[in-house]
Amino acid sequence: MTAKEQALYALMEGQGYSYGLMQTAIHLLGQFKEALDEMIIFIEDNHPTEEAFIRRMASLCEKQL
């Protein structure tokens, strides 16, 4: 894992997100560096629920495709 992936993982773990979500997020967002940065900021600023995190991640991944 890169440093940014580790940072995201730690933030997600701190929020109490499920292991499956954390693994999926790292796998998907690792492919899109800009989305990875945005999600780190999103968690730090908003402390979203898992559902809100998934919606945001899906939106960012769609933009990257």
PDB file of N, CA and C in Angstrom:
ATOM      1  N   MET A   1       0.833  -1.188   0.000  1.00  0.00           N
ATOM      2  CA  MET A   1       0.000   0.000   0.000  1.00  0.00           C
ATOM      3  C   MET A   1       0.873   1.247   0.000  1.00  0.00           C
ATOM      4  N   THR A   2       0.393   2.239  -0.719  1.00  0.00           N
ATOM      5  CA  THR A   2       1.086   3.523  -0.724  1.00  0.00           C
ATOM      6  C   THR A   2       0.784   4.263   0.584  1.00  0.00           C
ATOM      7  N   ALA A   3       1.488   5.352   0.808  1.00  0.00           N
ATOM      8  CA  ALA A   3       1.270   6.150   2.018  1.00  0.00           C
ATOM      9  C   ALA A   3      -0.156   6.705   2.061  1.00  0.00           C
ATOM     10  N   LYS A   4      -0.668   7.142   0.924  1.00  0.00           N
ATOM     11  CA  LYS A   4      -2.028   7.692   0.886  1.00  0.00           C
ATOM     12  C   LYS A   4      -3.067   6.597   1.112  1.00  0.00           C
ATOM     13  N   GLU A   5      -2.828   5.415   0.566  1.00  0.00           N
ATOM     14  CA  GLU A   5      -3.737   4.297   0.807  1.00  0.00           C
ATOM     15  C   GLU A   5      -3.731   3.923   2.286  1.00  0.00           C
ATOM     16  N   GLN A   6      -2.570   3.950   2.899  1.00  0.00           N
ATOM     17  CA  GLN A   6      -2.469   3.661   4.330  1.00  0.00           C
ATOM     18  C   GLN A   6      -3.197   4.716   5.153  1.00  0.00           C
ATOM     19  N   ALA A   7      -3.084   5.970   4.731  1.00  0.00           N
ATOM     20  CA  ALA A   7      -3.777   7.055   5.433  1.00  0.00           C
ATOM     21  C   ALA A   7      -5.291   6.877   5.342  1.00  0.00           C
ATOM     22  N   LEU A   8      -5.779   6.563   4.144  1.00  0.00           N
ATOM     23  CA  LEU A   8      -7.210   6.339   3.968  1.00  0.00           C
ATOM     24  C   LEU A   8      -7.663   5.154   4.815  1.00  0.00           C
ATOM     25  N   TYR A   9      -6.909   4.078   4.784  1.00  0.00           N
ATOM     26  CA  TYR A   9      -7.249   2.884   5.558  1.00  0.00           C
ATOM     27  C   TYR A   9      -7.343   3.218   7.050  1.00  0.00           C
ATOM     28  N   ALA A  10      -6.384   3.976   7.549  1.00  0.00           N
ATOM     29  CA  ALA A  10      -6.383   4.350   8.968  1.00  0.00           C
ATOM     30  C   ALA A  10      -7.592   5.217   9.318  1.00  0.00           C
ATOM     31  N   LEU A  11      -7.934   6.154   8.436  1.00  0.00           N
ATOM     32  CA  LEU A  11      -9.111   6.994   8.669  1.00  0.00           C
ATOM     33  C   LEU A  11     -10.382   6.154   8.695  1.00  0.00           C
ATOM     34  N   MET A  12     -10.486   5.228   7.752  1.00  0.00           N
ATOM     35  CA  MET A  12     -11.668   4.369   7.680  1.00  0.00           C
ATOM     36  C   MET A  12     -11.758   3.473   8.915  1.00  0.00           C
ATOM     37  N   GLU A  13     -10.630   2.952   9.329  1.00  0.00           N
ATOM     38  CA  GLU A  13     -10.595   2.103  10.515  1.00  0.00           C
ATOM     39  C   GLU A  13     -11.025   2.903  11.749  1.00  0.00           C
ATOM     40  N   GLY A  14     -10.562   4.139  11.827  1.00  0.00           N
ATOM     41  CA  GLY A  14     -10.937   5.016  12.928  1.00  0.00           C
ATOM     42  C   GLY A  14     -12.422   5.338  12.957  1.00  0.00           C
ATOM     43  N   GLN A  15     -13.039   5.356  11.784  1.00  0.00           N
ATOM     44  CA  GLN A  15     -14.474   5.606  11.686  1.00  0.00           C
ATOM     45  C   GLN A  15     -15.285   4.355  12.010  1.00  0.00           C
ATOM     46  N   GLY A  16     -14.611   3.213  12.092  1.00  0.00           N
ATOM     47  CA  GLY A  16     -15.312   1.971  12.401  1.00  0.00           C
ATOM     48  C   GLY A  16     -15.949   1.306  11.196  1.00  0.00           C
ATOM     49  N   TYR A  17     -15.462   1.631  10.005  1.00  0.00           N
ATOM     50  CA  TYR A  17     -16.014   1.026   8.793  1.00  0.00           C
ATOM     51  C   TYR A  17     -15.699  -0.463   8.752  1.00  0.00           C
ATOM     52  N   SER A  18     -16.522  -1.201   8.035  1.00  0.00           N
ATOM     53  CA  SER A  18     -16.338  -2.643   7.933  1.00  0.00           C
ATOM     54  C   SER A  18     -15.072  -2.973   7.150  1.00  0.00           C
ATOM     55  N   TYR A  19     -14.512  -4.119   7.464  1.00  0.00           N
ATOM     56  CA  TYR A  19     -13.293  -4.589   6.799  1.00  0.00           C
ATOM     57  C   TYR A  19     -13.517  -4.705   5.287  1.00  0.00           C
ATOM     58  N   GLY A  20     -14.672  -5.222   4.886  1.00  0.00           N
ATOM     59  CA  GLY A  20     -14.971  -5.375   3.460  1.00  0.00           C
ATOM     60  C   GLY A  20     -14.977  -4.045   2.726  1.00  0.00           C
ATOM     61  N   LEU A  21     -15.566  -3.037   3.341  1.00  0.00           N
ATOM     62  CA  LEU A  21     -15.585  -1.711   2.723  1.00  0.00           C
ATOM     63  C   LEU A  21     -14.177  -1.153   2.616  1.00  0.00           C
ATOM     64  N   MET A  22     -13.393  -1.325   3.655  1.00  0.00           N
ATOM     65  CA  MET A  22     -12.027  -0.794   3.632  1.00  0.00           C
ATOM     66  C   MET A  22     -11.215  -1.454   2.516  1.00  0.00           C
ATOM     67  N   GLN A  23     -11.330  -2.753   2.375  1.00  0.00           N
ATOM     68  CA  GLN A  23     -10.587  -3.461   1.333  1.00  0.00           C
ATOM     69  C   GLN A  23     -11.053  -3.038  -0.059  1.00  0.00           C
ATOM     70  N   THR A  24     -12.365  -2.933  -0.237  1.00  0.00           N
ATOM     71  CA  THR A  24     -12.919  -2.529  -1.530  1.00  0.00           C
ATOM     72  C   THR A  24     -12.490  -1.112  -1.887  1.00  0.00           C
ATOM     73  N   ALA A  25     -12.555  -0.212  -0.927  1.00  0.00           N
ATOM     74  CA  ALA A  25     -12.175   1.181  -1.172  1.00  0.00           C
ATOM     75  C   ALA A  25     -10.711   1.290  -1.573  1.00  0.00           C
ATOM     76  N   ILE A  26      -9.843   0.591  -0.875  1.00  0.00           N
ATOM     77  CA  ILE A  26      -8.416   0.649  -1.200  1.00  0.00           C
ATOM     78  C   ILE A  26      -8.181   0.101  -2.599  1.00  0.00           C
ATOM     79  N   HIS A  27      -8.855  -0.984  -2.930  1.00  0.00           N
ATOM     80  CA  HIS A  27      -8.692  -1.583  -4.264  1.00  0.00           C
ATOM     81  C   HIS A  27      -9.168  -0.625  -5.364  1.00  0.00           C
ATOM     82  N   LEU A  28     -10.349  -0.057  -5.191  1.00  0.00           N
ATOM     83  CA  LEU A  28     -10.906   0.829  -6.221  1.00  0.00           C
ATOM     84  C   LEU A  28     -10.190   2.172  -6.289  1.00  0.00           C
ATOM     85  N   LEU A  29     -10.022   2.803  -5.146  1.00  0.00           N
ATOM     86  CA  LEU A  29      -9.455   4.150  -5.135  1.00  0.00           C
ATOM     87  C   LEU A  29      -7.966   4.157  -5.424  1.00  0.00           C
ATOM     88  N   GLY A  30      -7.307   3.041  -5.206  1.00  0.00           N
ATOM     89  CA  GLY A  30      -5.889   2.945  -5.537  1.00  0.00           C
ATOM     90  C   GLY A  30      -5.628   3.129  -7.021  1.00  0.00           C
ATOM     91  N   GLN A  31      -6.666   2.911  -7.829  1.00  0.00           N
ATOM     92  CA  GLN A  31      -6.558   3.069  -9.276  1.00  0.00           C
ATOM     93  C   GLN A  31      -6.749   4.522  -9.711  1.00  0.00           C
ATOM     94  N   PHE A  32      -7.329   5.330  -8.846  1.00  0.00           N
ATOM     95  CA  PHE A  32      -7.655   6.717  -9.171  1.00  0.00           C
ATOM     96  C   PHE A  32      -7.071   7.635  -8.098  1.00  0.00           C
ATOM     97  N   LYS A  33      -5.868   8.110  -8.304  1.00  0.00           N
ATOM     98  CA  LYS A  33      -5.162   8.884  -7.279  1.00  0.00           C
ATOM     99  C   LYS A  33      -5.908  10.149  -6.860  1.00  0.00           C
ATOM    100  N   GLU A  34      -6.551  10.829  -7.816  1.00  0.00           N
ATOM    101  CA  GLU A  34      -7.286  12.045  -7.464  1.00  0.00           C
ATOM    102  C   GLU A  34      -8.472  11.710  -6.568  1.00  0.00           C
ATOM    103  N   ALA A  35      -9.144  10.604  -6.868  1.00  0.00           N
ATOM    104  CA  ALA A  35     -10.281  10.179  -6.054  1.00  0.00           C
ATOM    105  C   ALA A  35      -9.818   9.782  -4.656  1.00  0.00           C
ATOM    106  N   LEU A  36      -8.661   9.169  -4.569  1.00  0.00           N
ATOM    107  CA  LEU A  36      -8.096   8.785  -3.272  1.00  0.00           C
ATOM    108  C   LEU A  36      -7.880  10.028  -2.409  1.00  0.00           C
ATOM    109  N   ASP A  37      -7.299  11.056  -2.992  1.00  0.00           N
ATOM    110  CA  ASP A  37      -7.083  12.317  -2.269  1.00  0.00           C
ATOM    111  C   ASP A  37      -8.407  12.924  -1.810  1.00  0.00           C
ATOM    112  N   GLU A  38      -9.397  12.925  -2.704  1.00  0.00           N
ATOM    113  CA  GLU A  38     -10.692  13.510  -2.369  1.00  0.00           C
ATOM    114  C   GLU A  38     -11.377  12.757  -1.235  1.00  0.00           C
ATOM    115  N   MET A  39     -11.245  11.435  -1.232  1.00  0.00           N
ATOM    116  CA  MET A  39     -11.894  10.647  -0.186  1.00  0.00           C
ATOM    117  C   MET A  39     -11.225  10.853   1.167  1.00  0.00           C
ATOM    118  N   ILE A  40      -9.928  11.045   1.175  1.00  0.00           N
ATOM    119  CA  ILE A  40      -9.239  11.336   2.437  1.00  0.00           C
ATOM    120  C   ILE A  40      -9.785  12.637   3.023  1.00  0.00           C
ATOM    121  N   ILE A  41      -9.899  13.649   2.193  1.00  0.00           N
ATOM    122  CA  ILE A  41     -10.436  14.942   2.640  1.00  0.00           C
ATOM    123  C   ILE A  41     -11.893  14.798   3.069  1.00  0.00           C
ATOM    124  N   PHE A  42     -12.665  14.040   2.299  1.00  0.00           N
ATOM    125  CA  PHE A  42     -14.087  13.830   2.594  1.00  0.00           C
ATOM    126  C   PHE A  42     -14.278  13.213   3.982  1.00  0.00           C
ATOM    127  N   ILE A  43     -13.491  12.198   4.304  1.00  0.00           N
ATOM    128  CA  ILE A  43     -13.613  11.556   5.618  1.00  0.00           C
ATOM    129  C   ILE A  43     -13.188  12.516   6.726  1.00  0.00           C
ATOM    130  N   GLU A  44     -12.068  13.196   6.528  1.00  0.00           N
ATOM    131  CA  GLU A  44     -11.578  14.120   7.557  1.00  0.00           C
ATOM    132  C   GLU A  44     -12.575  15.237   7.839  1.00  0.00           C
ATOM    133  N   ASP A  45     -13.190  15.764   6.791  1.00  0.00           N
ATOM    134  CA  ASP A  45     -14.091  16.908   6.949  1.00  0.00           C
ATOM    135  C   ASP A  45     -15.502  16.525   7.392  1.00  0.00           C
ATOM    136  N   ASN A  46     -15.992  15.368   6.935  1.00  0.00           N
ATOM    137  CA  ASN A  46     -17.406  15.038   7.121  1.00  0.00           C
ATOM    138  C   ASN A  46     -17.705  13.869   8.052  1.00  0.00           C
ATOM    139  N   HIS A  47     -16.739  13.018   8.304  1.00  0.00           N
ATOM    140  CA  HIS A  47     -16.960  11.819   9.126  1.00  0.00           C
ATOM    141  C   HIS A  47     -18.238  11.097   8.680  1.00  0.00           C
ATOM    142  N   PRO A  48     -18.297  10.703   7.401  1.00  0.00           N
ATOM    143  CA  PRO A  48     -19.530  10.141   6.848  1.00  0.00           C
ATOM    144  C   PRO A  48     -19.832   8.729   7.352  1.00  0.00           C
ATOM    145  N   THR A  49     -21.101   8.369   7.242  1.00  0.00           N
ATOM    146  CA  THR A  49     -21.495   6.987   7.499  1.00  0.00           C
ATOM    147  C   THR A  49     -20.938   6.115   6.372  1.00  0.00           C
ATOM    148  N   GLU A  50     -20.998   4.809   6.544  1.00  0.00           N
ATOM    149  CA  GLU A  50     -20.540   3.915   5.471  1.00  0.00           C
ATOM    150  C   GLU A  50     -21.343   4.162   4.200  1.00  0.00           C
ATOM    151  N   GLU A  51     -22.644   4.349   4.359  1.00  0.00           N
ATOM    152  CA  GLU A  51     -23.503   4.567   3.198  1.00  0.00           C
ATOM    153  C   GLU A  51     -23.106   5.837   2.445  1.00  0.00           C
ATOM    154  N   ALA A  52     -22.874   6.909   3.164  1.00  0.00           N
ATOM    155  CA  ALA A  52     -22.462   8.166   2.529  1.00  0.00           C
ATOM    156  C   ALA A  52     -21.089   8.016   1.875  1.00  0.00           C
ATOM    157  N   PHE A  53     -20.200   7.277   2.517  1.00  0.00           N
ATOM    158  CA  PHE A  53     -18.874   7.023   1.955  1.00  0.00           C
ATOM    159  C   PHE A  53     -19.000   6.269   0.636  1.00  0.00           C
ATOM    160  N   ILE A  54     -19.840   5.241   0.608  1.00  0.00           N
ATOM    161  CA  ILE A  54     -20.019   4.434  -0.606  1.00  0.00           C
ATOM    162  C   ILE A  54     -20.589   5.283  -1.733  1.00  0.00           C
ATOM    163  N   ARG A  55     -21.587   6.110  -1.419  1.00  0.00           N
ATOM    164  CA  ARG A  55     -22.174   6.975  -2.460  1.00  0.00           C
ATOM    165  C   ARG A  55     -21.123   7.911  -3.046  1.00  0.00           C
ATOM    166  N   ARG A  56     -20.326   8.513  -2.180  1.00  0.00           N
ATOM    167  CA  ARG A  56     -19.286   9.443  -2.644  1.00  0.00           C
ATOM    168  C   ARG A  56     -18.225   8.712  -3.470  1.00  0.00           C
ATOM    169  N   MET A  57     -17.803   7.545  -3.002  1.00  0.00           N
ATOM    170  CA  MET A  57     -16.797   6.767  -3.716  1.00  0.00           C
ATOM    171  C   MET A  57     -17.319   6.366  -5.096  1.00  0.00           C
ATOM    172  N   ALA A  58     -18.567   5.937  -5.171  1.00  0.00           N
ATOM    173  CA  ALA A  58     -19.153   5.551  -6.453  1.00  0.00           C
ATOM    174  C   ALA A  58     -19.197   6.740  -7.407  1.00  0.00           C
ATOM    175  N   SER A  59     -19.574   7.886  -6.893  1.00  0.00           N
ATOM    176  CA  SER A  59     -19.634   9.093  -7.714  1.00  0.00           C
ATOM    177  C   SER A  59     -18.257   9.459  -8.265  1.00  0.00           C
ATOM    178  N   LEU A  60     -17.249   9.401  -7.424  1.00  0.00           N
ATOM    179  CA  LEU A  60     -15.891   9.735  -7.865  1.00  0.00           C
ATOM    180  C   LEU A  60     -15.362   8.729  -8.881  1.00  0.00           C
ATOM    181  N   CYS A  61     -15.640   7.463  -8.662  1.00  0.00           N
ATOM    182  CA  CYS A  61     -15.168   6.435  -9.603  1.00  0.00           C
ATOM    183  C   CYS A  61     -15.849   6.584 -10.960  1.00  0.00           C
ATOM    184  N   GLU A  62     -17.142   6.928 -10.965  1.00  0.00           N
ATOM    185  CA  GLU A  62     -17.849   7.152 -12.229  1.00  0.00           C
ATOM    186  C   GLU A  62     -17.209   8.288 -13.017  1.00  0.00           C
ATOM    187  N   LYS A  63     -16.825   9.346 -12.336  1.00  0.00           N
ATOM    188  CA  LYS A  63     -16.193  10.488 -12.999  1.00  0.00           C
ATOM    189  C   LYS A  63     -14.856  10.100 -13.624  1.00  0.00           C
ATOM    190  N   GLN A  64     -14.151   9.167 -12.994  1.00  0.00           N
ATOM    191  CA  GLN A  64     -12.828   8.762 -13.472  1.00  0.00           C
ATOM    192  C   GLN A  64     -12.916   7.873 -14.704  1.00  0.00           C
ATOM    193  N   LEU A  65     -14.041   7.192 -14.879  1.00  0.00           N
ATOM    194  CA  LEU A  65     -14.172   6.273 -16.012  1.00  0.00           C
ATOM    195  C   LEU A  65     -14.520   6.986 -17.244  1.00  0.00           C
TER     196      LEU A  65
END
